[in-house]
PDB file of N, CA and C in Angstrom:
ATOM      1  N   MET A   1       0.838  -1.178   0.000  1.00  0.00           N
ATOM      2  CA  MET A   1       0.000   0.000   0.000  1.00  0.00           C
ATOM      3  C   MET A   1       0.881   1.238   0.000  1.00  0.00           C
ATOM      4  N   CYS A   2       0.367   2.275  -0.582  1.00  0.00           N
ATOM      5  CA  CYS A   2       0.985   3.603  -0.555  1.00  0.00           C
ATOM      6  C   CYS A   2      -0.085   4.593  -0.133  1.00  0.00           C
ATOM      7  N   CYS A   3       0.366   5.703   0.359  1.00  0.00           N
ATOM      8  CA  CYS A   3      -0.546   6.820   0.583  1.00  0.00           C
ATOM      9  C   CYS A   3      -0.024   7.988  -0.226  1.00  0.00           C
ATOM     10  N   SER A   4      -0.948   8.711  -0.767  1.00  0.00           N
ATOM     11  CA  SER A   4      -0.606   9.898  -1.524  1.00  0.00           C
ATOM     12  C   SER A   4      -1.394  11.045  -0.922  1.00  0.00           C
ATOM     13  N   GLY A   5      -0.876  12.229  -1.037  1.00  0.00           N
ATOM     14  CA  GLY A   5      -1.593  13.352  -0.454  1.00  0.00           C
ATOM     15  C   GLY A   5      -1.130  14.664  -1.030  1.00  0.00           C
ATOM     16  N   PHE A   6      -1.862  15.684  -0.648  1.00  0.00           N
ATOM     17  CA  PHE A   6      -1.515  17.018  -1.109  1.00  0.00           C
ATOM     18  C   PHE A   6      -2.049  18.047  -0.135  1.00  0.00           C
ATOM     19  N   ALA A   7      -1.516  19.232  -0.234  1.00  0.00           N
ATOM     20  CA  ALA A   7      -2.011  20.387   0.520  1.00  0.00           C
ATOM     21  C   ALA A   7      -1.568  21.634  -0.220  1.00  0.00           C
ATOM     22  N   TRP A   8      -2.344  22.663  -0.105  1.00  0.00           N
ATOM     23  CA  TRP A   8      -1.930  23.971  -0.599  1.00  0.00           C
ATOM     24  C   TRP A   8      -1.259  24.649   0.573  1.00  0.00           C
ATOM     25  N   ARG A   9      -0.094  25.215   0.345  1.00  0.00           N
ATOM     26  CA  ARG A   9       0.646  25.796   1.444  1.00  0.00           C
ATOM     27  C   ARG A   9       1.343  27.076   1.065  1.00  0.00           C
ATOM     28  N   ARG A  10       1.725  27.810   2.098  1.00  0.00           N
ATOM     29  CA  ARG A  10       2.525  29.013   1.935  1.00  0.00           C
ATOM     30  C   ARG A  10       3.626  28.966   2.976  1.00  0.00           C
ATOM     31  N   ASP A  11       4.885  29.018   2.547  1.00  0.00           N
ATOM     32  CA  ASP A  11       6.046  29.098   3.440  1.00  0.00           C
ATOM     33  C   ASP A  11       6.118  27.938   4.426  1.00  0.00           C
ATOM     34  N   THR A  12       5.884  26.723   3.965  1.00  0.00           N
ATOM     35  CA  THR A  12       5.886  25.570   4.853  1.00  0.00           C
ATOM     36  C   THR A  12       6.386  24.341   4.119  1.00  0.00           C
ATOM     37  N   SER A  13       6.430  23.222   4.835  1.00  0.00           N
ATOM     38  CA  SER A  13       6.724  21.932   4.223  1.00  0.00           C
ATOM     39  C   SER A  13       5.847  20.882   4.889  1.00  0.00           C
ATOM     40  N   ILE A  14       5.854  19.693   4.317  1.00  0.00           N
ATOM     41  CA  ILE A  14       5.064  18.587   4.851  1.00  0.00           C
ATOM     42  C   ILE A  14       6.011  17.417   5.093  1.00  0.00           C
ATOM     43  N   ARG A  15       5.879  16.770   6.253  1.00  0.00           N
ATOM     44  CA  ARG A  15       6.697  15.607   6.613  1.00  0.00           C
ATOM     45  C   ARG A  15       5.756  14.441   6.842  1.00  0.00           C
ATOM     46  N   ALA A  16       6.100  13.283   6.295  1.00  0.00           N
ATOM     47  CA  ALA A  16       5.283  12.083   6.469  1.00  0.00           C
ATOM     48  C   ALA A  16       6.167  10.944   6.969  1.00  0.00           C
ATOM     49  N   VAL A  17       5.685  10.219   7.964  1.00  0.00           N
ATOM     50  CA  VAL A  17       6.432   9.072   8.491  1.00  0.00           C
ATOM     51  C   VAL A  17       5.447   7.991   8.918  1.00  0.00           C
ATOM     52  N   TRP A  18       5.781   6.756   8.603  1.00  0.00           N
ATOM     53  CA  TRP A  18       4.948   5.613   9.001  1.00  0.00           C
ATOM     54  C   TRP A  18       5.256   5.229  10.436  1.00  0.00           C
ATOM     55  N   GLN A  19       4.255   4.664  11.116  1.00  0.00           N
ATOM     56  CA  GLN A  19       4.403   4.202  12.500  1.00  0.00           C
ATOM     57  C   GLN A  19       3.898   2.769  12.610  1.00  0.00           C
ATOM     58  N   ASP A  20       4.442   2.042  13.610  1.00  0.00           N
ATOM     59  CA  ASP A  20       3.934   0.703  13.886  1.00  0.00           C
ATOM     60  C   ASP A  20       2.769   0.797  14.868  1.00  0.00           C
ATOM     61  N   ALA A  21       2.257  -0.345  15.319  1.00  0.00           N
ATOM     62  CA  ALA A  21       1.080  -0.367  16.198  1.00  0.00           C
ATOM     63  C   ALA A  21       1.312   0.349  17.527  1.00  0.00           C
ATOM     64  N   GLU A  22       2.569   0.457  17.967  1.00  0.00           N
ATOM     65  CA  GLU A  22       2.877   1.162  19.222  1.00  0.00           C
ATOM     66  C   GLU A  22       3.146   2.648  19.012  1.00  0.00           C
ATOM     67  N   GLY A  23       3.077   3.110  17.791  1.00  0.00           N
ATOM     68  CA  GLY A  23       3.323   4.521  17.506  1.00  0.00           C
ATOM     69  C   GLY A  23       4.782   4.856  17.264  1.00  0.00           C
ATOM     70  N   LYS A  24       5.641   3.838  17.167  1.00  0.00           N
ATOM     71  CA  LYS A  24       7.062   4.048  16.915  1.00  0.00           C
ATOM     72  C   LYS A  24       7.267   4.305  15.425  1.00  0.00           C
ATOM     73  N   GLU A  25       8.065   5.322  15.112  1.00  0.00           N
ATOM     74  CA  GLU A  25       8.357   5.630  13.716  1.00  0.00           C
ATOM     75  C   GLU A  25       9.164   4.497  13.096  1.00  0.00           C
ATOM     76  N   ILE A  26       8.757   4.088  11.898  1.00  0.00           N
ATOM     77  CA  ILE A  26       9.483   3.048  11.181  1.00  0.00           C
ATOM     78  C   ILE A  26       9.789   3.548   9.770  1.00  0.00           C
ATOM     79  N   GLY A  27      10.892   3.114   9.241  1.00  0.00           N
ATOM     80  CA  GLY A  27      11.294   3.596   7.926  1.00  0.00           C
ATOM     81  C   GLY A  27      11.781   5.032   8.021  1.00  0.00           C
ATOM     82  N   ALA A  28      12.179   5.544   6.906  1.00  0.00           N
ATOM     83  CA  ALA A  28      12.691   6.919   6.855  1.00  0.00           C
ATOM     84  C   ALA A  28      11.542   7.904   6.658  1.00  0.00           C
ATOM     85  N   ALA A  29      11.577   8.975   7.420  1.00  0.00           N
ATOM     86  CA  ALA A  29      10.600  10.047   7.218  1.00  0.00           C
ATOM     87  C   ALA A  29      10.873  10.696   5.864  1.00  0.00           C
ATOM     88  N   GLN A  30       9.822  11.146   5.221  1.00  0.00           N
ATOM     89  CA  GLN A  30       9.970  11.832   3.944  1.00  0.00           C
ATOM     90  C   GLN A  30       9.384  13.232   4.072  1.00  0.00           C
ATOM     91  N   SER A  31      10.132  14.194   3.560  1.00  0.00           N
ATOM     92  CA  SER A  31       9.674  15.583   3.583  1.00  0.00           C
ATOM     93  C   SER A  31       9.432  16.051   2.160  1.00  0.00           C
ATOM     94  N   PHE A  32       8.410  16.878   2.006  1.00  0.00           N
ATOM     95  CA  PHE A  32       8.040  17.406   0.705  1.00  0.00           C
ATOM     96  C   PHE A  32       7.931  18.922   0.794  1.00  0.00           C
ATOM     97  N   ALA A  33       8.621  19.585  -0.100  1.00  0.00           N
ATOM     98  CA  ALA A  33       8.543  21.048  -0.180  1.00  0.00           C
ATOM     99  C   ALA A  33       8.815  21.435  -1.628  1.00  0.00           C
ATOM    100  N   PRO A  34       8.036  22.343  -2.167  1.00  0.00           N
ATOM    101  CA  PRO A  34       8.288  22.773  -3.546  1.00  0.00           C
ATOM    102  C   PRO A  34       9.481  23.712  -3.613  1.00  0.00           C
ATOM    103  N   ALA A  35       9.889  23.988  -4.830  1.00  0.00           N
ATOM    104  CA  ALA A  35      10.945  24.977  -5.031  1.00  0.00           C
ATOM    105  C   ALA A  35      10.494  26.317  -4.454  1.00  0.00           C
ATOM    106  N   LEU A  36      11.414  27.199  -4.258  1.00  0.00           N
ATOM    107  CA  LEU A  36      11.076  28.513  -3.705  1.00  0.00           C
ATOM    108  C   LEU A  36       9.998  29.179  -4.547  1.00  0.00           C
ATOM    109  N   SER A  37       9.084  29.832  -3.870  1.00  0.00           N
ATOM    110  CA  SER A  37       7.999  30.530  -4.540  1.00  0.00           C
ATOM    111  C   SER A  37       7.752  31.850  -3.827  1.00  0.00           C
ATOM    112  N   PRO A  38       7.085  32.774  -4.483  1.00  0.00           N
ATOM    113  CA  PRO A  38       6.775  34.049  -3.824  1.00  0.00           C
ATOM    114  C   PRO A  38       5.987  33.816  -2.537  1.00  0.00           C
ATOM    115  N   ARG A  39       6.273  34.586  -1.529  1.00  0.00           N
ATOM    116  CA  ARG A  39       5.622  34.407  -0.222  1.00  0.00           C
ATOM    117  C   ARG A  39       4.134  34.701  -0.260  1.00  0.00           C
ATOM    118  N   ASP A  40       3.662  35.395  -1.256  1.00  0.00           N
ATOM    119  CA  ASP A  40       2.257  35.793  -1.267  1.00  0.00           C
ATOM    120  C   ASP A  40       1.406  34.913  -2.184  1.00  0.00           C
ATOM    121  N   GLN A  41       1.908  33.738  -2.581  1.00  0.00           N
ATOM    122  CA  GLN A  41       1.150  32.857  -3.460  1.00  0.00           C
ATOM    123  C   GLN A  41       0.983  31.474  -2.844  1.00  0.00           C
ATOM    124  N   TRP A  42      -0.143  30.845  -3.142  1.00  0.00           N
ATOM    125  CA  TRP A  42      -0.387  29.472  -2.725  1.00  0.00           C
ATOM    126  C   TRP A  42       0.347  28.539  -3.672  1.00  0.00           C
ATOM    127  N   VAL A  43       0.938  27.490  -3.122  1.00  0.00           N
ATOM    128  CA  VAL A  43       1.665  26.502  -3.904  1.00  0.00           C
ATOM    129  C   VAL A  43       1.186  25.117  -3.486  1.00  0.00           C
ATOM    130  N   LYS A  44       0.886  24.270  -4.465  1.00  0.00           N
ATOM    131  CA  LYS A  44       0.468  22.905  -4.158  1.00  0.00           C
ATOM    132  C   LYS A  44       1.704  22.052  -3.933  1.00  0.00           C
ATOM    133  N   ILE A  45       1.690  21.304  -2.851  1.00  0.00           N
ATOM    134  CA  ILE A  45       2.776  20.378  -2.551  1.00  0.00           C
ATOM    135  C   ILE A  45       2.165  18.992  -2.435  1.00  0.00           C
ATOM    136  N   GLU A  46       2.807  17.989  -3.035  1.00  0.00           N
ATOM    137  CA  GLU A  46       2.248  16.644  -2.997  1.00  0.00           C
ATOM    138  C   GLU A  46       3.363  15.621  -3.031  1.00  0.00           C
ATOM    139  N   GLY A  47       3.031  14.407  -2.606  1.00  0.00           N
ATOM    140  CA  GLY A  47       3.998  13.326  -2.620  1.00  0.00           C
ATOM    141  C   GLY A  47       3.329  11.990  -2.380  1.00  0.00           C
ATOM    142  N   THR A  48       4.066  10.923  -2.627  1.00  0.00           N
ATOM    143  CA  THR A  48       3.604   9.565  -2.401  1.00  0.00           C
ATOM    144  C   THR A  48       4.586   8.881  -1.464  1.00  0.00           C
ATOM    145  N   VAL A  49       4.053   8.174  -0.470  1.00  0.00           N
ATOM    146  CA  VAL A  49       4.873   7.559   0.569  1.00  0.00           C
ATOM    147  C   VAL A  49       4.557   6.064   0.643  1.00  0.00           C
ATOM    148  N   PRO A  50       5.452   5.190   0.144  1.00  0.00           N
ATOM    149  CA  PRO A  50       5.219   3.744   0.233  1.00  0.00           C
ATOM    150  C   PRO A  50       5.252   3.276   1.696  1.00  0.00           C
ATOM    151  N   ALA A  51       4.372   2.352   2.047  1.00  0.00           N
ATOM    152  CA  ALA A  51       4.277   1.850   3.423  1.00  0.00           C
ATOM    153  C   ALA A  51       5.191   0.655   3.638  1.00  0.00           C
ATOM    154  N   PRO A  52       5.957   0.650   4.747  1.00  0.00           N
ATOM    155  CA  PRO A  52       6.697  -0.553   5.109  1.00  0.00           C
ATOM    156  C   PRO A  52       5.711  -1.677   5.491  1.00  0.00           C
ATOM    157  N   ALA A  53       6.180  -2.905   5.490  1.00  0.00           N
ATOM    158  CA  ALA A  53       5.307  -4.064   5.732  1.00  0.00           C
ATOM    159  C   ALA A  53       4.563  -3.993   7.055  1.00  0.00           C
ATOM    160  N   ASN A  54       5.180  -3.527   8.124  1.00  0.00           N
ATOM    161  CA  ASN A  54       4.552  -3.531   9.450  1.00  0.00           C
ATOM    162  C   ASN A  54       3.948  -2.185   9.855  1.00  0.00           C
ATOM    163  N   ALA A  55       3.700  -1.328   8.888  1.00  0.00           N
ATOM    164  CA  ALA A  55       3.128  -0.011   9.189  1.00  0.00           C
ATOM    165  C   ALA A  55       1.631  -0.120   9.463  1.00  0.00           C
ATOM    166  N   THR A  56       1.181   0.627  10.476  1.00  0.00           N
ATOM    167  CA  THR A  56      -0.249   0.672  10.805  1.00  0.00           C
ATOM    168  C   THR A  56      -0.814   2.087  10.751  1.00  0.00           C
ATOM    169  N   ASN A  57       0.052   3.089  10.880  1.00  0.00           N
ATOM    170  CA  ASN A  57      -0.391   4.485  10.901  1.00  0.00           C
ATOM    171  C   ASN A  57       0.556   5.337  10.064  1.00  0.00           C
ATOM    172  N   LEU A  58       0.011   6.391   9.510  1.00  0.00           N
ATOM    173  CA  LEU A  58       0.825   7.390   8.816  1.00  0.00           C
ATOM    174  C   LEU A  58       0.665   8.709   9.554  1.00  0.00           C
ATOM    175  N   ALA A  59       1.778   9.253  10.035  1.00  0.00           N
ATOM    176  CA  ALA A  59       1.761  10.554  10.701  1.00  0.00           C
ATOM    177  C   ALA A  59       2.176  11.613   9.687  1.00  0.00           C
ATOM    178  N   VAL A  60       1.348  12.626   9.521  1.00  0.00           N
ATOM    179  CA  VAL A  60       1.629  13.719   8.600  1.00  0.00           C
ATOM    180  C   VAL A  60       1.773  14.990   9.416  1.00  0.00           C
ATOM    181  N   GLN A  61       2.891  15.655   9.247  1.00  0.00           N
ATOM    182  CA  GLN A  61       3.160  16.884   9.996  1.00  0.00           C
ATOM    183  C   GLN A  61       3.216  18.055   9.021  1.00  0.00           C
ATOM    184  N   LEU A  62       2.484  19.083   9.328  1.00  0.00           N
ATOM    185  CA  LEU A  62       2.507  20.322   8.549  1.00  0.00           C
ATOM    186  C   LEU A  62       3.470  21.259   9.260  1.00  0.00           C
ATOM    187  N   ILE A  63       4.560  21.594   8.619  1.00  0.00           N
ATOM    188  CA  ILE A  63       5.667  22.282   9.274  1.00  0.00           C
ATOM    189  C   ILE A  63       5.797  23.715   8.775  1.00  0.00           C
ATOM    190  N   ALA A  64       5.944  24.624   9.708  1.00  0.00           N
ATOM    191  CA  ALA A  64       6.157  26.032   9.391  1.00  0.00           C
ATOM    192  C   ALA A  64       7.591  26.405   9.739  1.00  0.00           C
ATOM    193  N   LYS A  65       8.223  27.176   8.878  1.00  0.00           N
ATOM    194  CA  LYS A  65       9.607  27.599   9.109  1.00  0.00           C
ATOM    195  C   LYS A  65       9.755  29.076   8.793  1.00  0.00           C
ATOM    196  N   GLY A  66      10.713  29.698   9.434  1.00  0.00           N
ATOM    197  CA  GLY A  66      11.110  31.043   9.056  1.00  0.00           C
ATOM    198  C   GLY A  66      10.250  32.175   9.567  1.00  0.00           C
ATOM    199  N   GLN A  67       9.481  31.936  10.625  1.00  0.00           N
ATOM    200  CA  GLN A  67       8.683  33.037  11.158  1.00  0.00           C
ATOM    201  C   GLN A  67       9.604  34.067  11.816  1.00  0.00           C
ATOM    202  N   SER A  68       9.264  35.319  11.631  1.00  0.00           N
ATOM    203  CA  SER A  68      10.080  36.372  12.232  1.00  0.00           C
ATOM    204  C   SER A  68       9.529  36.812  13.586  1.00  0.00           C
ATOM    205  N   GLY A  69       8.358  36.311  13.969  1.00  0.00           N
ATOM    206  CA  GLY A  69       7.781  36.665  15.257  1.00  0.00           C
ATOM    207  C   GLY A  69       6.585  35.789  15.577  1.00  0.00           C
ATOM    208  N   ASP A  70       6.128  35.869  16.820  1.00  0.00           N
ATOM    209  CA  ASP A  70       5.033  34.995  17.256  1.00  0.00           C
ATOM    210  C   ASP A  70       3.664  35.445  16.740  1.00  0.00           C
ATOM    211  N   LYS A  71       3.591  36.557  16.050  1.00  0.00           N
ATOM    212  CA  LYS A  71       2.322  37.035  15.498  1.00  0.00           C
ATOM    213  C   LYS A  71       2.095  36.568  14.051  1.00  0.00           C
ATOM    214  N   GLU A  72       3.111  35.988  13.428  1.00  0.00           N
ATOM    215  CA  GLU A  72       2.953  35.517  12.051  1.00  0.00           C
ATOM    216  C   GLU A  72       2.053  34.294  12.003  1.00  0.00           C
ATOM    217  N   MET A  73       1.302  34.164  10.911  1.00  0.00           N
ATOM    218  CA  MET A  73       0.405  33.036  10.733  1.00  0.00           C
ATOM    219  C   MET A  73       0.859  32.203   9.547  1.00  0.00           C
ATOM    220  N   ILE A  74       0.626  30.911   9.643  1.00  0.00           N
ATOM    221  CA  ILE A  74       0.862  29.989   8.543  1.00  0.00           C
ATOM    222  C   ILE A  74      -0.488  29.392   8.179  1.00  0.00           C
ATOM    223  N   TRP A  75      -0.776  29.329   6.893  1.00  0.00           N
ATOM    224  CA  TRP A  75      -2.058  28.832   6.415  1.00  0.00           C
ATOM    225  C   TRP A  75      -1.871  27.550   5.620  1.00  0.00           C
ATOM    226  N   PHE A  76      -2.711  26.561   5.914  1.00  0.00           N
ATOM    227  CA  PHE A  76      -2.805  25.350   5.113  1.00  0.00           C
ATOM    228  C   PHE A  76      -4.244  25.260   4.628  1.00  0.00           C
ATOM    229  N   ASP A  77      -4.448  24.750   3.431  1.00  0.00           N
ATOM    230  CA  ASP A  77      -5.796  24.657   2.893  1.00  0.00           C
ATOM    231  C   ASP A  77      -5.942  23.362   2.102  1.00  0.00           C
ATOM    232  N   ASP A  78      -7.103  22.731   2.229  1.00  0.00           N
ATOM    233  CA  ASP A  78      -7.470  21.559   1.436  1.00  0.00           C
ATOM    234  C   ASP A  78      -6.462  20.417   1.536  1.00  0.00           C
ATOM    235  N   ALA A  79      -5.940  20.153   2.721  1.00  0.00           N
ATOM    236  CA  ALA A  79      -5.017  19.027   2.894  1.00  0.00           C
ATOM    237  C   ALA A  79      -5.790  17.718   2.825  1.00  0.00           C
ATOM    238  N   ALA A  80      -5.192  16.705   2.199  1.00  0.00           N
ATOM    239  CA  ALA A  80      -5.843  15.402   2.066  1.00  0.00           C
ATOM    240  C   ALA A  80      -4.788  14.308   1.975  1.00  0.00           C
ATOM    241  N   VAL A  81      -5.122  13.137   2.507  1.00  0.00           N
ATOM    242  CA  VAL A  81      -4.291  11.942   2.389  1.00  0.00           C
ATOM    243  C   VAL A  81      -5.212  10.800   2.016  1.00  0.00           C
ATOM    244  N   TYR A  82      -4.787   9.969   1.085  1.00  0.00           N
ATOM    245  CA  TYR A  82      -5.628   8.862   0.660  1.00  0.00           C
ATOM    246  C   TYR A  82      -4.772   7.684   0.234  1.00  0.00           C
ATOM    247  N   ALA A  83      -5.297   6.464   0.418  1.00  0.00           N
ATOM    248  CA  ALA A  83      -4.599   5.244   0.030  1.00  0.00           C
ATOM    249  C   ALA A  83      -4.703   5.063  -1.480  1.00  0.00           C
ATOM    250  N   ILE A  84      -3.635   4.547  -2.076  1.00  0.00           N
ATOM    251  CA  ILE A  84      -3.644   4.244  -3.505  1.00  0.00           C
ATOM    252  C   ILE A  84      -3.137   2.812  -3.702  1.00  0.00           C
ATOM    253  N   SER A  85      -3.522   2.184  -4.769  1.00  0.00           N
ATOM    254  CA  SER A  85      -3.065   0.836  -5.106  1.00  0.00           C
ATOM    255  C   SER A  85      -1.754   0.925  -5.850  1.00  0.00           C
ATOM    256  N   VAL A  86      -0.871  -0.021  -5.549  1.00  0.00           N
ATOM    257  CA  VAL A  86       0.424  -0.092  -6.219  1.00  0.00           C
ATOM    258  C   VAL A  86       0.553  -1.487  -6.793  1.00  0.00           C
ATOM    259  N   ASN A  87       0.875  -1.568  -8.059  1.00  0.00           N
ATOM    260  CA  ASN A  87       1.033  -2.888  -8.705  1.00  0.00           C
ATOM    261  C   ASN A  87       2.428  -3.415  -8.537  1.00  0.00           C
TER     262      ASN A  87
END
């Protein structure tokens, strides 16, 4: 099984890591971030993450970087994750 997903983001990245039944991270975490883009535009970021054999959960982290102060906001919109078939 694989999971694929996407989100519209501004000034952020997405990290995905599989977990076993106890919540322990297994396999290598994968991070997805598009090339640099203007700060005032929405950018779609997407990726596919193959599941290790003993994976039971997928943890997806929406990560914000580079804030210059605690008043800055980060926006995510229309985030989705879904299972896909792999031949």
